C-alpha atoms as a PDB file:
ATOM      1  CA  MET A   1       0.000   0.000   0.000  1.00  0.00           C
ATOM      2  CA  ALA A   2       1.394   3.395  -0.993  1.00  0.00           C
ATOM      3  CA  PRO A   3       1.951   5.886   1.838  1.00  0.00           C
ATOM      4  CA  ASP A   4      -0.232   8.988   2.084  1.00  0.00           C
ATOM      5  CA  GLU A   5       1.507  12.212   1.066  1.00  0.00           C
ATOM      6  CA  LEU A   6       0.962  14.809   3.791  1.00  0.00           C
ATOM      7  CA  ALA A   7       0.536  17.798   1.488  1.00  0.00           C
ATOM      8  CA  SER A   8      -1.743  16.063  -1.021  1.00  0.00           C
ATOM      9  CA  LEU A   9      -4.632  18.254  -2.126  1.00  0.00           C
ATOM     10  CA  THR A  10      -6.494  15.483  -3.940  1.00  0.00           C
ATOM     11  CA  ASN A  11      -6.569  13.083  -0.961  1.00  0.00           C
ATOM     12  CA  LYS A  12      -9.609  14.167   1.060  1.00  0.00           C
ATOM     13  CA  HIS A  13      -8.076  12.688   4.239  1.00  0.00           C
ATOM     14  CA  SER A  14      -4.614  14.267   4.019  1.00  0.00           C
ATOM     15  CA  PRO A  15      -3.386  16.743   6.670  1.00  0.00           C
ATOM     16  CA  ALA A  16      -3.386  19.456   3.999  1.00  0.00           C
ATOM     17  CA  ARG A  17      -7.109  18.938   3.414  1.00  0.00           C
ATOM     18  CA  ALA A  18      -7.766  18.535   7.146  1.00  0.00           C
ATOM     19  CA  ALA A  19      -6.443  22.068   7.646  1.00  0.00           C
ATOM     20  CA  PHE A  20      -9.571  23.182   5.778  1.00  0.00           C
ATOM     21  CA  SER A  21     -12.014  21.155   7.849  1.00  0.00           C
ATOM     22  CA  GLN A  22     -14.719  23.823   8.128  1.00  0.00           C
ATOM     23  CA  ASP A  23     -16.519  26.187   5.793  1.00  0.00           C
ATOM     24  CA  LEU A  24     -14.924  29.641   5.760  1.00  0.00           C
ATOM     25  CA  HIS A  25     -17.180  32.389   7.105  1.00  0.00           C
ATOM     26  CA  LEU A  26     -15.919  35.538   5.383  1.00  0.00           C
ATOM     27  CA  PRO A  27     -17.474  38.117   7.771  1.00  0.00           C
ATOM     28  CA  SER A  28     -15.365  36.598  10.564  1.00  0.00           C
ATOM     29  CA  LEU A  29     -12.100  37.587   8.847  1.00  0.00           C
ATOM     30  CA  ALA A  30     -11.737  40.868  10.705  1.00  0.00           C
ATOM     31  CA  HIS A  31      -7.933  40.702  10.432  1.00  0.00           C
ATOM     32  CA  VAL A  32      -8.020  40.586   6.617  1.00  0.00           C
ATOM     33  CA  ASP A  33      -8.019  43.872   4.689  1.00  0.00           C
ATOM     34  CA  PRO A  34     -11.030  43.748   2.351  1.00  0.00           C
ATOM     35  CA  PHE A  35     -11.104  44.457  -1.359  1.00  0.00           C
ATOM     36  CA  ARG A  36     -12.623  47.830  -2.267  1.00  0.00           C
ATOM     37  CA  PHE A  37     -13.305  49.370  -5.659  1.00  0.00           C
ATOM     38  CA  ASP A  38     -11.307  52.572  -6.090  1.00  0.00           C
ATOM     39  CA  PRO A  39     -12.035  55.307  -8.691  1.00  0.00           C
ATOM     40  CA  THR A  40     -10.039  53.460 -11.373  1.00  0.00           C
ATOM     41  CA  TRP A  41     -12.850  50.892 -11.664  1.00  0.00           C
ATOM     42  CA  ASN A  42     -16.049  51.165 -13.713  1.00  0.00           C
ATOM     43  CA  VAL A  43     -18.601  49.623 -11.350  1.00  0.00           C
ATOM     44  CA  GLN A  44     -22.241  48.573 -11.579  1.00  0.00           C
ATOM     45  CA  ASP A  45     -24.612  46.513  -9.410  1.00  0.00           C
ATOM     46  CA  TYR A  46     -26.853  43.832 -10.884  1.00  0.00           C
ATOM     47  CA  HIS A  47     -29.779  41.880  -9.454  1.00  0.00           C
ATOM     48  CA  ILE A  48     -29.998  38.454 -11.068  1.00  0.00           C
ATOM     49  CA  PRO A  49     -33.431  36.749 -11.166  1.00  0.00           C
ATOM     50  CA  ARG A  50     -33.951  33.436  -9.401  1.00  0.00           C
ATOM     51  CA  LYS A  51     -35.189  31.753 -12.590  1.00  0.00           C
ATOM     52  CA  GLN A  52     -33.754  31.883 -16.106  1.00  0.00           C
ATOM     53  CA  TYR A  53     -30.676  33.565 -14.691  1.00  0.00           C
ATOM     54  CA  ASP A  54     -28.334  32.252 -17.384  1.00  0.00           C
ATOM     55  CA  HIS A  55     -30.062  34.482 -19.958  1.00  0.00           C
ATOM     56  CA  THR A  56     -29.664  37.579 -17.775  1.00  0.00           C
ATOM     57  CA  ILE A  57     -26.033  36.787 -16.999  1.00  0.00           C
ATOM     58  CA  THR A  58     -25.292  36.224 -20.691  1.00  0.00           C
ATOM     59  CA  GLU A  59     -26.706  39.645 -21.600  1.00  0.00           C
ATOM     60  CA  ILE A  60     -24.613  41.355 -18.909  1.00  0.00           C
ATOM     61  CA  VAL A  61     -21.432  39.540 -19.892  1.00  0.00           C
ATOM     62  CA  GLU A  62     -21.895  40.081 -23.636  1.00  0.00           C
ATOM     63  CA  ARG A  63     -22.200  43.846 -23.165  1.00  0.00           C
ATOM     64  CA  LEU A  64     -18.983  43.875 -21.172  1.00  0.00           C
ATOM     65  CA  GLY A  65     -17.303  41.511 -23.624  1.00  0.00           C
ATOM     66  CA  ASP A  66     -18.223  43.696 -26.609  1.00  0.00           C
ATOM     67  CA  GLU A  67     -16.607  46.688 -24.966  1.00  0.00           C
ATOM     68  CA  LEU A  68     -13.415  44.861 -24.044  1.00  0.00           C
ATOM     69  CA  THR A  69     -12.981  43.034 -27.360  1.00  0.00           C
ATOM     70  CA  ARG A  70     -13.021  46.456 -29.042  1.00  0.00           C
ATOM     71  CA  GLU A  71     -10.005  47.176 -26.834  1.00  0.00           C
ATOM     72  CA  ASN A  72      -8.311  44.062 -28.295  1.00  0.00           C
ATOM     73  CA  PHE A  73      -8.996  41.666 -25.431  1.00  0.00           C
ATOM     74  CA  PRO A  74      -9.910  38.041 -26.212  1.00  0.00           C
ATOM     75  CA  PRO A  75     -13.595  37.096 -26.655  1.00  0.00           C
ATOM     76  CA  SER A  76     -12.928  34.045 -24.451  1.00  0.00           C
ATOM     77  CA  LEU A  77     -12.974  36.356 -21.427  1.00  0.00           C
ATOM     78  CA  GLU A  78     -16.782  36.192 -21.644  1.00  0.00           C
ATOM     79  CA  THR A  79     -16.686  32.513 -20.654  1.00  0.00           C
ATOM     80  CA  ALA A  80     -14.616  33.201 -17.544  1.00  0.00           C
ATOM     81  CA  VAL A  81     -16.719  36.199 -16.478  1.00  0.00           C
ATOM     82  CA  PHE A  82     -19.971  34.297 -17.082  1.00  0.00           C
ATOM     83  CA  GLU A  83     -18.795  31.518 -14.765  1.00  0.00           C
ATOM     84  CA  ALA A  84     -17.698  34.008 -12.096  1.00  0.00           C
ATOM     85  CA  VAL A  85     -21.080  35.758 -12.120  1.00  0.00           C
ATOM     86  CA  ARG A  86     -23.007  32.494 -12.142  1.00  0.00           C
ATOM     87  CA  ASN A  87     -20.940  31.182  -9.220  1.00  0.00           C
ATOM     88  CA  ALA A  88     -21.722  34.363  -7.284  1.00  0.00           C
ATOM     89  CA  HIS A  89     -25.441  33.977  -7.978  1.00  0.00           C
ATOM     90  CA  GLN A  90     -25.760  30.217  -7.472  1.00  0.00           C
ATOM     91  CA  HIS A  91     -23.333  29.604  -4.636  1.00  0.00           C
ATOM     92  CA  GLY A  92     -22.695  32.990  -3.060  1.00  0.00           C
ATOM     93  CA  HIS A  93     -26.285  34.227  -3.052  1.00  0.00           C
ATOM     94  CA  GLN A  94     -28.059  30.856  -3.273  1.00  0.00           C
ATOM     95  CA  GLY A  95     -30.119  32.359  -6.093  1.00  0.00           C
ATOM     96  CA  ASN A  96     -31.407  35.263  -3.979  1.00  0.00           C
ATOM     97  CA  PRO A  97     -32.278  38.087  -6.430  1.00  0.00           C
ATOM     98  CA  SER A  98     -32.414  40.729  -3.689  1.00  0.00           C
ATOM     99  CA  LYS A  99     -28.643  40.558  -3.178  1.00  0.00           C
ATOM    100  CA  PRO A 100     -26.676  42.641  -5.679  1.00  0.00           C
ATOM    101  CA  ILE A 101     -23.718  41.297  -7.598  1.00  0.00           C
ATOM    102  CA  THR A 102     -21.222  44.072  -8.241  1.00  0.00           C
ATOM    103  CA  ILE A 103     -19.182  43.894 -11.438  1.00  0.00           C
ATOM    104  CA  GLY A 104     -16.288  46.248 -11.994  1.00  0.00           C
ATOM    105  CA  TYR A 105     -13.709  46.474 -14.750  1.00  0.00           C
ATOM    106  CA  ARG A 106     -10.679  48.559 -15.596  1.00  0.00           C
ATOM    107  CA  ILE A 107      -7.979  48.621 -18.257  1.00  0.00           C
ATOM    108  CA  ILE A 108      -4.388  48.883 -17.083  1.00  0.00           C
ATOM    109  CA  PRO A 109      -2.026  50.462 -19.659  1.00  0.00           C
ATOM    110  CA  GLY A 110       1.108  48.610 -20.688  1.00  0.00           C
ATOM    111  CA  THR A 111       4.367  49.370 -18.917  1.00  0.00           C
ATOM    112  CA  GLU A 112       8.008  48.556 -19.487  1.00  0.00           C
ATOM    113  CA  GLU A 113       7.613  45.597 -17.141  1.00  0.00           C
ATOM    114  CA  HIS A 114       4.249  44.517 -18.655  1.00  0.00           C
ATOM    115  CA  PRO A 115       4.183  45.783 -22.280  1.00  0.00           C
ATOM    116  CA  LYS A 116       0.677  44.476 -22.953  1.00  0.00           C
ATOM    117  CA  LYS A 117      -2.254  46.337 -21.512  1.00  0.00           C
ATOM    118  CA  ARG A 118      -4.424  44.289 -19.166  1.00  0.00           C
ATOM    119  CA  ALA A 119      -8.113  44.149 -18.376  1.00  0.00           C
ATOM    120  CA  GLN A 120      -9.219  43.347 -14.857  1.00  0.00           C
ATOM    121  CA  ILE A 121     -12.787  42.283 -14.119  1.00  0.00           C
ATOM    122  CA  ALA A 122     -13.976  41.929 -10.537  1.00  0.00           C
ATOM    123  CA  VAL A 123     -17.155  40.072  -9.527  1.00  0.00           C
ATOM    124  CA  SER A 124     -18.222  40.816  -5.960  1.00  0.00           C
ATOM    125  CA  ASP A 125     -21.052  39.108  -4.051  1.00  0.00           C
ATOM    126  CA  ARG A 126     -22.703  39.298  -0.621  1.00  0.00           C
ATOM    127  CA  GLY A 127     -22.510  35.565   0.040  1.00  0.00           C
ATOM    128  CA  GLY A 128     -20.501  35.224   3.220  1.00  0.00           C
ATOM    129  CA  THR A 129     -19.535  31.539   3.308  1.00  0.00           C
ATOM    130  CA  ILE A 130     -17.076  29.483   1.263  1.00  0.00           C
ATOM    131  CA  HIS A 131     -17.279  25.691   1.175  1.00  0.00           C
ATOM    132  CA  LYS A 132     -14.413  24.068   3.078  1.00  0.00           C
ATOM    133  CA  ASP A 133     -13.066  22.361  -0.045  1.00  0.00           C
ATOM    134  CA  PHE A 134     -13.016  25.492  -2.205  1.00  0.00           C
ATOM    135  CA  LEU A 135      -9.633  26.915  -1.159  1.00  0.00           C
ATOM    136  CA  PRO A 136      -7.851  23.532  -1.496  1.00  0.00           C
ATOM    137  CA  TYR A 137      -9.497  23.248  -4.912  1.00  0.00           C
ATOM    138  CA  ILE A 138      -8.104  26.655  -5.940  1.00  0.00           C
ATOM    139  CA  LEU A 139      -4.627  25.662  -4.780  1.00  0.00           C
ATOM    140  CA  HIS A 140      -4.959  22.399  -6.706  1.00  0.00           C
ATOM    141  CA  LEU A 141      -5.946  24.236  -9.906  1.00  0.00           C
ATOM    142  CA  ARG A 142      -3.009  26.617  -9.582  1.00  0.00           C
ATOM    143  CA  GLN A 143      -0.709  23.650  -9.056  1.00  0.00           C
ATOM    144  CA  LEU A 144      -1.994  21.934 -12.198  1.00  0.00           C
ATOM    145  CA  LEU A 145      -1.749  25.110 -14.282  1.00  0.00           C
ATOM    146  CA  GLY A 146       1.833  25.607 -13.177  1.00  0.00           C
ATOM    147  CA  LYS A 147       2.749  22.173 -14.501  1.00  0.00           C
ATOM    148  CA  ASN A 148       1.102  22.071 -17.928  1.00  0.00           C
ATOM    149  CA  LYS A 149      -1.589  24.465 -19.154  1.00  0.00           C
ATOM    150  CA  GLU A 150      -2.384  22.443 -22.288  1.00  0.00           C
ATOM    151  CA  GLU A 151      -3.036  19.340 -20.201  1.00  0.00           C
ATOM    152  CA  PHE A 152      -5.095  21.435 -17.778  1.00  0.00           C
ATOM    153  CA  LEU A 153      -7.327  22.612 -20.636  1.00  0.00           C
ATOM    154  CA  GLN A 154      -7.878  19.044 -21.806  1.00  0.00           C
ATOM    155  CA  THR A 155      -8.773  17.657 -18.373  1.00  0.00           C
ATOM    156  CA  LEU A 156     -10.709  20.376 -16.544  1.00  0.00           C
ATOM    157  CA  GLU A 157     -11.084  19.527 -12.859  1.00  0.00           C
ATOM    158  CA  ASN A 158     -14.622  19.028 -11.547  1.00  0.00           C
ATOM    159  CA  PHE A 159     -15.230  20.647  -8.139  1.00  0.00           C
ATOM    160  CA  TYR A 160     -17.880  18.113  -7.151  1.00  0.00           C
ATOM    161  CA  PHE A 161     -15.487  15.249  -7.866  1.00  0.00           C
ATOM    162  CA  PHE A 162     -12.739  17.012  -5.910  1.00  0.00           C
ATOM    163  CA  SER A 163     -14.962  17.793  -2.915  1.00  0.00           C
ATOM    164  CA  ASP A 164     -17.652  16.013  -0.928  1.00  0.00           C
ATOM    165  CA  LYS A 165     -20.302  18.544  -1.941  1.00  0.00           C
ATOM    166  CA  GLU A 166     -23.418  17.255  -3.654  1.00  0.00           C
ATOM    167  CA  LYS A 167     -24.754  18.860  -6.811  1.00  0.00           C
ATOM    168  CA  LYS A 168     -28.005  20.730  -6.242  1.00  0.00           C
ATOM    169  CA  THR A 169     -29.105  20.530  -9.865  1.00  0.00           C
ATOM    170  CA  GLN A 170     -28.078  18.645 -12.972  1.00  0.00           C
ATOM    171  CA  LYS A 171     -27.237  22.010 -14.574  1.00  0.00           C
ATOM    172  CA  ASN A 172     -24.182  22.294 -12.332  1.00  0.00           C
ATOM    173  CA  TRP A 173     -21.195  20.499 -13.832  1.00  0.00           C
ATOM    174  CA  GLY A 174     -18.682  21.841 -11.320  1.00  0.00           C
ATOM    175  CA  LEU A 175     -16.362  23.179 -14.036  1.00  0.00           C
ATOM    176  CA  GLY A 176     -17.000  26.917 -13.714  1.00  0.00           C
ATOM    177  CA  THR A 177     -13.968  27.723 -11.579  1.00  0.00           C
ATOM    178  CA  SER A 178     -11.720  25.573 -13.781  1.00  0.00           C
ATOM    179  CA  LEU A 179     -12.901  27.529 -16.823  1.00  0.00           C
ATOM    180  CA  MET A 180     -12.128  30.815 -15.085  1.00  0.00           C
ATOM    181  CA  HIS A 181      -8.570  29.658 -14.433  1.00  0.00           C
ATOM    182  CA  ALA A 182      -8.262  28.269 -17.967  1.00  0.00           C
ATOM    183  CA  TYR A 183      -9.162  31.505 -19.768  1.00  0.00           C
ATOM    184  CA  ALA A 184      -7.818  34.222 -17.453  1.00  0.00           C
ATOM    185  CA  GLN A 185      -4.123  34.967 -17.077  1.00  0.00           C
ATOM    186  CA  ARG A 186      -4.648  35.418 -13.354  1.00  0.00           C
ATOM    187  CA  VAL A 187      -7.480  34.663 -10.911  1.00  0.00           C
ATOM    188  CA  GLU A 188      -7.453  36.164  -7.417  1.00  0.00           C
ATOM    189  CA  TYR A 189      -9.867  35.872  -4.500  1.00  0.00           C
ATOM    190  CA  PHE A 190     -10.581  38.469  -1.823  1.00  0.00           C
ATOM    191  CA  ALA A 191     -13.078  39.187   0.929  1.00  0.00           C
ATOM    192  CA  ASN A 192     -15.043  42.413   0.542  1.00  0.00           C
ATOM    193  CA  GLU A 193     -16.321  44.952   3.045  1.00  0.00           C
ATOM    194  CA  HIS A 194     -19.778  43.317   2.990  1.00  0.00           C
ATOM    195  CA  GLY A 195     -18.422  39.960   4.122  1.00  0.00           C
ATOM    196  CA  GLY A 196     -18.726  38.473   0.633  1.00  0.00           C
ATOM    197  CA  LEU A 197     -16.311  37.110  -1.955  1.00  0.00           C
ATOM    198  CA  VAL A 198     -14.597  39.019  -4.762  1.00  0.00           C
ATOM    199  CA  VAL A 199     -13.106  37.211  -7.754  1.00  0.00           C
ATOM    200  CA  VAL A 200     -10.689  39.303  -9.831  1.00  0.00           C
ATOM    201  CA  LEU A 201      -9.904  38.047 -13.335  1.00  0.00           C
ATOM    202  CA  THR A 202      -6.976  39.482 -15.302  1.00  0.00           C
ATOM    203  CA  PHE A 203      -6.660  39.203 -19.093  1.00  0.00           C
ATOM    204  CA  ASN A 204      -3.819  40.268 -21.375  1.00  0.00           C
ATOM    205  CA  GLU A 205      -4.595  42.021 -24.651  1.00  0.00           C
ATOM    206  CA  ARG A 206      -4.327  39.853 -27.742  1.00  0.00           C
ATOM    207  CA  ARG A 207      -1.376  39.857 -30.071  1.00  0.00           C
ATOM    208  CA  PRO A 208      -1.801  42.267 -33.007  1.00  0.00           C
ATOM    209  CA  ASP A 209      -2.122  39.376 -35.492  1.00  0.00           C
ATOM    210  CA  ARG A 210      -5.092  37.809 -33.650  1.00  0.00           C
END
C-alpha cells in the first residue's frame, strides 16, 4: 500500500485537506483587509433573477465583452466572467435576487515591465460563506496550471469530484472555476467589506495578429 503524502490536495483525508475542515465564514475575517473598488474601476450593481438567470447573466457579460474586445482583449474572457457571475449567484447568493452582484472592470495600460495592456474584471457578491473544499481546490488548480496548461485545458477539474459537496441541480457540472482559471491569465480571490467574496480576473490584450 502506498503511503499517504501529507501535502496532497487530492486526498480528502490528508493533513493538507484537514487544515480546511470547516466552511470559511468571510465576515469573521476581521484581520483581513477587504477588497474595495477605487475610482479606477467602472462599477455597476446587478440583481440576477432566481429563474432563467443564465439568460440575464449572458446579456450582462456580452455587453462587457463587446466593450473589451473592441479594446483588443480576447472574446474568451466572456466565458470566464460568465462563470464568475453564475458562481456568485448560485453559490454565493443561493439564487437570492435581492442581493446585488457588483461587477467592476478597468484597463491597465502597458508598462516597461508589462508591455501588454491588461483588463481586470472583478465580480463581488454578498454571500458570506465558502465551502471548506473550495480553497484547497483553488490551490490544486493553480498547481496543475503551473505544470502544464495544455493538459489542464484538456482535463478540466470538476469541483464536485474534488470535494464532498453534492450537486443541487443537474445544470451544475462543477467546471465553472476551472474555466475561469483556464481563460484568465490570473485569478485572485478576496473578501469584501460586505463579508462576501470578490473574484478578480486578469486578461492580457491579444497579439496584433489575432
